[in-house]
Amino acid sequence: MRSYAGYHAGDRFFSVRALADPATADLNVIINRKVYVLELTTDKEPFQSVTFYPADEPPVQSAGQPNVGPSRLLGLLDKAKAYPLLMIKRRPPP
């Protein structure tokens, strides 16, 4: 694969871009003595980024993304199930 790999010393990221289409490649990423083997291929709808997190730490909250966990999802499901009842209680009397 003809590709461009961009990295600057001290950065916590790198960029990879295919210079031909179609293209495939393998990329080894070493983090904390662990090797992650990525199989890269061109695609019409590619991933824009991949982030590696330690197994014992939750992903860092990104700006603009709501924190949605299991309890939040269950709460939303309960509200959705009770929606007809809630709407009846909120209607003004005739």
N, C-alpha and C. Protein backbone atom coordinates (compact mmCIF):
# COMPACT_ATOMS: atom_id res chain seq x y z
N MET A 1 0.86 -1.18 0.00
CA MET A 1 0.00 0.00 0.00
C MET A 1 0.89 1.23 0.00
N ARG A 2 0.62 2.12 -0.88
CA ARG A 2 1.26 3.43 -0.82
C ARG A 2 0.47 4.25 0.18
N SER A 3 1.15 4.71 1.22
CA SER A 3 0.45 5.45 2.27
C SER A 3 1.33 6.55 2.83
N TYR A 4 0.67 7.41 3.56
CA TYR A 4 1.36 8.48 4.27
C TYR A 4 1.09 8.27 5.75
N ALA A 5 2.14 8.25 6.56
CA ALA A 5 1.99 8.14 8.01
C ALA A 5 2.61 9.39 8.61
N GLY A 6 1.80 10.14 9.35
CA GLY A 6 2.28 11.38 9.95
C GLY A 6 2.38 11.26 11.45
N TYR A 7 3.53 11.63 12.01
CA TYR A 7 3.74 11.61 13.45
C TYR A 7 4.81 12.64 13.80
N HIS A 8 4.59 13.36 14.88
CA HIS A 8 5.57 14.32 15.39
C HIS A 8 5.94 13.89 16.80
N ALA A 9 7.22 13.89 17.11
CA ALA A 9 7.69 13.47 18.43
C ALA A 9 6.95 14.25 19.52
N GLY A 10 6.46 13.53 20.51
CA GLY A 10 5.73 14.14 21.62
C GLY A 10 4.23 14.11 21.44
N ASP A 11 3.74 13.93 20.21
CA ASP A 11 2.29 13.84 20.00
C ASP A 11 1.76 12.53 20.55
N ARG A 12 0.50 12.54 20.92
CA ARG A 12 -0.15 11.31 21.41
C ARG A 12 -1.04 10.72 20.33
N PHE A 13 -0.78 11.06 19.09
CA PHE A 13 -1.57 10.53 17.98
C PHE A 13 -0.71 10.46 16.73
N PHE A 14 -1.19 9.72 15.76
CA PHE A 14 -0.55 9.69 14.45
C PHE A 14 -1.65 9.58 13.41
N SER A 15 -1.32 9.89 12.19
CA SER A 15 -2.30 9.84 11.10
C SER A 15 -1.80 8.90 10.01
N VAL A 16 -2.74 8.18 9.40
CA VAL A 16 -2.42 7.30 8.29
C VAL A 16 -3.40 7.60 7.17
N ARG A 17 -2.87 7.72 5.96
CA ARG A 17 -3.73 8.01 4.82
C ARG A 17 -3.26 7.20 3.62
N ALA A 18 -4.20 6.54 2.94
CA ALA A 18 -3.86 5.80 1.73
C ALA A 18 -3.62 6.78 0.59
N LEU A 19 -2.61 6.51 -0.20
CA LEU A 19 -2.33 7.35 -1.36
C LEU A 19 -2.82 6.71 -2.65
N ALA A 20 -3.40 5.51 -2.54
CA ALA A 20 -3.97 4.82 -3.69
C ALA A 20 -5.24 4.12 -3.23
N ASP A 21 -6.14 3.84 -4.16
CA ASP A 21 -7.40 3.17 -3.83
C ASP A 21 -7.66 2.11 -4.88
N PRO A 22 -7.89 0.89 -4.54
CA PRO A 22 -7.99 0.29 -3.21
C PRO A 22 -6.61 0.04 -2.62
N ALA A 23 -6.57 -0.07 -1.29
CA ALA A 23 -5.31 -0.31 -0.60
C ALA A 23 -5.56 -1.06 0.70
N THR A 24 -4.58 -1.87 1.10
CA THR A 24 -4.62 -2.56 2.38
C THR A 24 -3.24 -2.48 3.01
N ALA A 25 -3.19 -2.59 4.34
CA ALA A 25 -1.91 -2.59 5.04
C ALA A 25 -2.12 -3.09 6.46
N ASP A 26 -1.05 -3.48 7.10
CA ASP A 26 -1.06 -3.85 8.51
C ASP A 26 -0.26 -2.80 9.26
N LEU A 27 -0.72 -2.49 10.48
CA LEU A 27 -0.05 -1.49 11.31
C LEU A 27 0.02 -2.03 12.72
N ASN A 28 1.22 -2.07 13.29
CA ASN A 28 1.41 -2.50 14.68
C ASN A 28 1.54 -1.27 15.55
N VAL A 29 0.68 -1.20 16.59
CA VAL A 29 0.72 -0.10 17.55
C VAL A 29 1.12 -0.68 18.89
N ILE A 30 2.20 -0.15 19.49
CA ILE A 30 2.68 -0.66 20.76
C ILE A 30 2.38 0.38 21.83
N ILE A 31 1.59 -0.04 22.83
CA ILE A 31 1.22 0.84 23.94
C ILE A 31 1.41 0.06 25.23
N ASN A 32 2.20 0.59 26.15
CA ASN A 32 2.43 -0.06 27.45
C ASN A 32 2.81 -1.53 27.30
N ARG A 33 3.74 -1.81 26.43
CA ARG A 33 4.28 -3.15 26.19
C ARG A 33 3.26 -4.12 25.59
N LYS A 34 2.16 -3.63 25.10
CA LYS A 34 1.17 -4.45 24.41
C LYS A 34 1.15 -4.06 22.94
N VAL A 35 1.04 -5.07 22.08
CA VAL A 35 1.04 -4.83 20.64
C VAL A 35 -0.39 -5.00 20.12
N TYR A 36 -0.87 -4.01 19.42
CA TYR A 36 -2.18 -4.05 18.78
C TYR A 36 -1.95 -4.07 17.28
N VAL A 37 -2.45 -5.09 16.61
CA VAL A 37 -2.27 -5.24 15.18
C VAL A 37 -3.54 -4.75 14.49
N LEU A 38 -3.39 -3.72 13.68
CA LEU A 38 -4.51 -3.15 12.95
C LEU A 38 -4.40 -3.54 11.48
N GLU A 39 -5.49 -4.03 10.93
CA GLU A 39 -5.54 -4.33 9.51
C GLU A 39 -6.28 -3.19 8.84
N LEU A 40 -5.59 -2.44 8.01
CA LEU A 40 -6.16 -1.25 7.38
C LEU A 40 -6.57 -1.56 5.96
N THR A 41 -7.69 -0.99 5.54
CA THR A 41 -8.14 -1.09 4.16
C THR A 41 -8.94 0.15 3.82
N THR A 42 -8.91 0.54 2.58
CA THR A 42 -9.71 1.71 2.18
C THR A 42 -11.18 1.33 2.17
N ASP A 43 -12.03 2.32 2.41
CA ASP A 43 -13.47 2.09 2.49
C ASP A 43 -14.18 3.39 2.12
N LYS A 44 -15.39 3.26 1.59
CA LYS A 44 -16.17 4.45 1.24
C LYS A 44 -16.61 5.22 2.48
N GLU A 45 -16.80 4.51 3.61
CA GLU A 45 -17.19 5.14 4.87
C GLU A 45 -16.20 4.74 5.96
N PRO A 46 -15.03 5.35 5.99
CA PRO A 46 -13.99 4.94 6.94
C PRO A 46 -14.24 5.46 8.36
N PHE A 47 -13.58 4.82 9.32
CA PHE A 47 -13.54 5.35 10.68
C PHE A 47 -12.68 6.61 10.63
N GLN A 48 -13.07 7.61 11.37
CA GLN A 48 -12.30 8.83 11.40
C GLN A 48 -11.21 8.79 12.44
N SER A 49 -11.41 7.98 13.49
CA SER A 49 -10.38 7.87 14.53
C SER A 49 -10.59 6.58 15.32
N VAL A 50 -9.52 6.13 15.92
CA VAL A 50 -9.55 4.99 16.83
C VAL A 50 -8.80 5.42 18.08
N THR A 51 -9.39 5.18 19.25
CA THR A 51 -8.76 5.58 20.49
C THR A 51 -8.56 4.35 21.36
N PHE A 52 -7.38 4.21 21.93
CA PHE A 52 -7.05 3.10 22.82
C PHE A 52 -7.15 3.59 24.26
N TYR A 53 -7.86 2.82 25.11
CA TYR A 53 -8.01 3.14 26.52
C TYR A 53 -7.49 1.97 27.34
N PRO A 54 -6.92 2.25 28.52
CA PRO A 54 -6.54 1.14 29.40
C PRO A 54 -7.78 0.35 29.80
N ALA A 55 -7.63 -0.97 29.96
CA ALA A 55 -8.77 -1.83 30.27
C ALA A 55 -9.43 -1.47 31.59
N ASP A 56 -8.67 -0.94 32.53
CA ASP A 56 -9.22 -0.64 33.85
C ASP A 56 -9.72 0.79 34.00
N GLU A 57 -9.70 1.57 32.91
CA GLU A 57 -10.17 2.96 32.96
C GLU A 57 -11.29 3.16 31.94
N PRO A 58 -12.36 3.87 32.33
CA PRO A 58 -13.41 4.17 31.35
C PRO A 58 -12.92 5.22 30.37
N PRO A 59 -13.48 5.25 29.16
CA PRO A 59 -13.09 6.28 28.19
C PRO A 59 -13.34 7.68 28.74
N VAL A 60 -12.48 8.60 28.38
CA VAL A 60 -12.61 9.99 28.78
C VAL A 60 -13.81 10.59 28.06
N GLN A 61 -14.62 11.36 28.79
CA GLN A 61 -15.79 12.01 28.22
C GLN A 61 -15.36 13.07 27.22
N SER A 62 -15.85 12.97 26.00
CA SER A 62 -15.54 13.97 24.98
C SER A 62 -16.54 15.11 25.07
N ALA A 63 -16.08 16.30 24.74
CA ALA A 63 -16.97 17.47 24.75
C ALA A 63 -18.11 17.26 23.78
N GLY A 64 -19.31 17.56 24.21
CA GLY A 64 -20.47 17.47 23.33
C GLY A 64 -21.13 16.10 23.32
N GLN A 65 -20.53 15.10 23.96
CA GLN A 65 -21.13 13.78 24.00
C GLN A 65 -21.70 13.54 25.39
N PRO A 66 -22.98 13.19 25.48
CA PRO A 66 -23.57 12.95 26.79
C PRO A 66 -23.03 11.66 27.41
N ASN A 67 -22.96 11.62 28.74
CA ASN A 67 -22.52 10.43 29.45
C ASN A 67 -23.72 9.51 29.60
N VAL A 68 -23.76 8.45 28.85
CA VAL A 68 -24.90 7.53 28.87
C VAL A 68 -24.42 6.18 29.37
N GLY A 69 -24.88 5.81 30.56
CA GLY A 69 -24.55 4.51 31.13
C GLY A 69 -25.81 3.68 31.27
N PRO A 70 -25.68 2.48 31.79
CA PRO A 70 -26.83 1.59 31.92
C PRO A 70 -27.98 2.18 32.74
N SER A 71 -27.67 2.84 33.85
CA SER A 71 -28.75 3.40 34.68
C SER A 71 -29.49 4.51 33.94
N ARG A 72 -28.78 5.32 33.19
CA ARG A 72 -29.41 6.40 32.41
C ARG A 72 -30.31 5.80 31.33
N LEU A 73 -29.84 4.77 30.66
CA LEU A 73 -30.65 4.13 29.62
C LEU A 73 -31.90 3.48 30.20
N LEU A 74 -31.77 2.82 31.35
CA LEU A 74 -32.95 2.22 31.99
C LEU A 74 -33.95 3.28 32.40
N GLY A 75 -33.46 4.42 32.89
CA GLY A 75 -34.35 5.52 33.26
C GLY A 75 -35.11 6.05 32.06
N LEU A 76 -34.42 6.18 30.93
CA LEU A 76 -35.08 6.66 29.71
C LEU A 76 -36.13 5.65 29.22
N LEU A 77 -35.82 4.36 29.34
CA LEU A 77 -36.81 3.34 28.95
C LEU A 77 -38.04 3.40 29.84
N ASP A 78 -37.84 3.60 31.14
CA ASP A 78 -38.98 3.72 32.06
C ASP A 78 -39.85 4.92 31.70
N LYS A 79 -39.22 6.05 31.37
CA LYS A 79 -39.99 7.23 30.97
C LYS A 79 -40.76 6.98 29.69
N ALA A 80 -40.13 6.29 28.74
CA ALA A 80 -40.81 6.00 27.47
C ALA A 80 -42.02 5.09 27.70
N LYS A 81 -41.88 4.11 28.59
CA LYS A 81 -42.99 3.20 28.88
C LYS A 81 -44.14 3.94 29.56
N ALA A 82 -43.81 4.93 30.39
CA ALA A 82 -44.84 5.66 31.14
C ALA A 82 -45.35 6.88 30.39
N TYR A 83 -44.90 7.13 29.18
CA TYR A 83 -45.28 8.33 28.44
C TYR A 83 -46.79 8.52 28.32
N PRO A 84 -47.56 7.49 27.91
CA PRO A 84 -49.02 7.70 27.81
C PRO A 84 -49.65 8.13 29.14
N LEU A 85 -49.20 7.54 30.23
CA LEU A 85 -49.74 7.89 31.55
C LEU A 85 -49.35 9.33 31.91
N LEU A 86 -48.13 9.71 31.65
CA LEU A 86 -47.68 11.07 31.95
C LEU A 86 -48.46 12.11 31.14
N MET A 87 -48.77 11.81 29.91
CA MET A 87 -49.50 12.75 29.06
C MET A 87 -50.93 12.94 29.56
N ILE A 88 -51.53 11.87 30.05
CA ILE A 88 -52.90 11.98 30.58
C ILE A 88 -52.90 12.89 31.81
N LYS A 89 -51.92 12.75 32.69
CA LYS A 89 -51.86 13.56 33.90
C LYS A 89 -51.58 15.03 33.59
N ARG A 90 -50.93 15.35 32.51
CA ARG A 90 -50.57 16.73 32.20
C ARG A 90 -51.65 17.50 31.43
N ARG A 91 -52.62 16.80 30.92
CA ARG A 91 -53.66 17.48 30.15
C ARG A 91 -54.52 18.33 31.09
N PRO A 92 -54.85 19.54 30.68
CA PRO A 92 -55.73 20.35 31.51
C PRO A 92 -57.15 19.79 31.49
N PRO A 93 -57.89 19.98 32.56
CA PRO A 93 -59.28 19.49 32.58
C PRO A 93 -60.11 20.21 31.51
N PRO A 94 -61.11 19.50 30.94
CA PRO A 94 -61.95 20.12 29.89
C PRO A 94 -62.83 21.22 30.38
